[in-house]
């Protein structure tokens, strides 16, 4: 079951906030990639954004090659310089544990010892129209997530597992109990995931100053 009391969840101007005993108990964040193009991070910070999850890279859904996100360095440095808290994510299309570890090693190598305020997220999703990892069993998906997160944790970073209701339903959350969840669900005033999660991505079409496209919006719950 979700540990939150949704009576304390509020929405204003399309953004969610959460309170505990009348005091703020959440942060407002975004996640970005090169799909957003160049970003004015000072304007983002001035628009009330507290943190950013920056895509570091991704694996192709057909051929399986690994790529850097073209705006990764600019986004990480820009968000930091503007005073935002930062984390990163990797879009996985791993088909087995060895590929998941390869992805984690790619992330670790490109972080090159950099400190992060927020976790390193593992984002494994099925691809519309077909993808190399679309037919994986729940057992294999769980093993892949475990392999990635364990490697990230061994490198001194905090792992995070991303997914919507369909994605999470395929995973053995008991086996992944050591790792927090970043839950994605759009078009609802209250998240419906009946499991513990620390972040909620509630839209993929938010509006933030300094970003010329729609952007994913997130709330980070600081405590239940």
Foldseek 3Di string as FASTA:
>chain_A
DEPDDCVQWDDDPRDIFGDDPRHTFKFKAFEDFCVLPDFQQLQQVVQRHAAYAYEQWEFDFAPGDIDGGPCRVVVVVNNVVNPHFYHYEYEYNDQALVSLLVRLVVVLVVCVPPDGPDAYEYHYDADPPGGPRNPHALVRVQSSLVSNQVNRVVSPGAYEYEDEPVNVVSHDCVSVVVHAYAYEDEDDSDDDDPDYHFKYFYDQAPDGPRTPGGTTMMMGGNDD
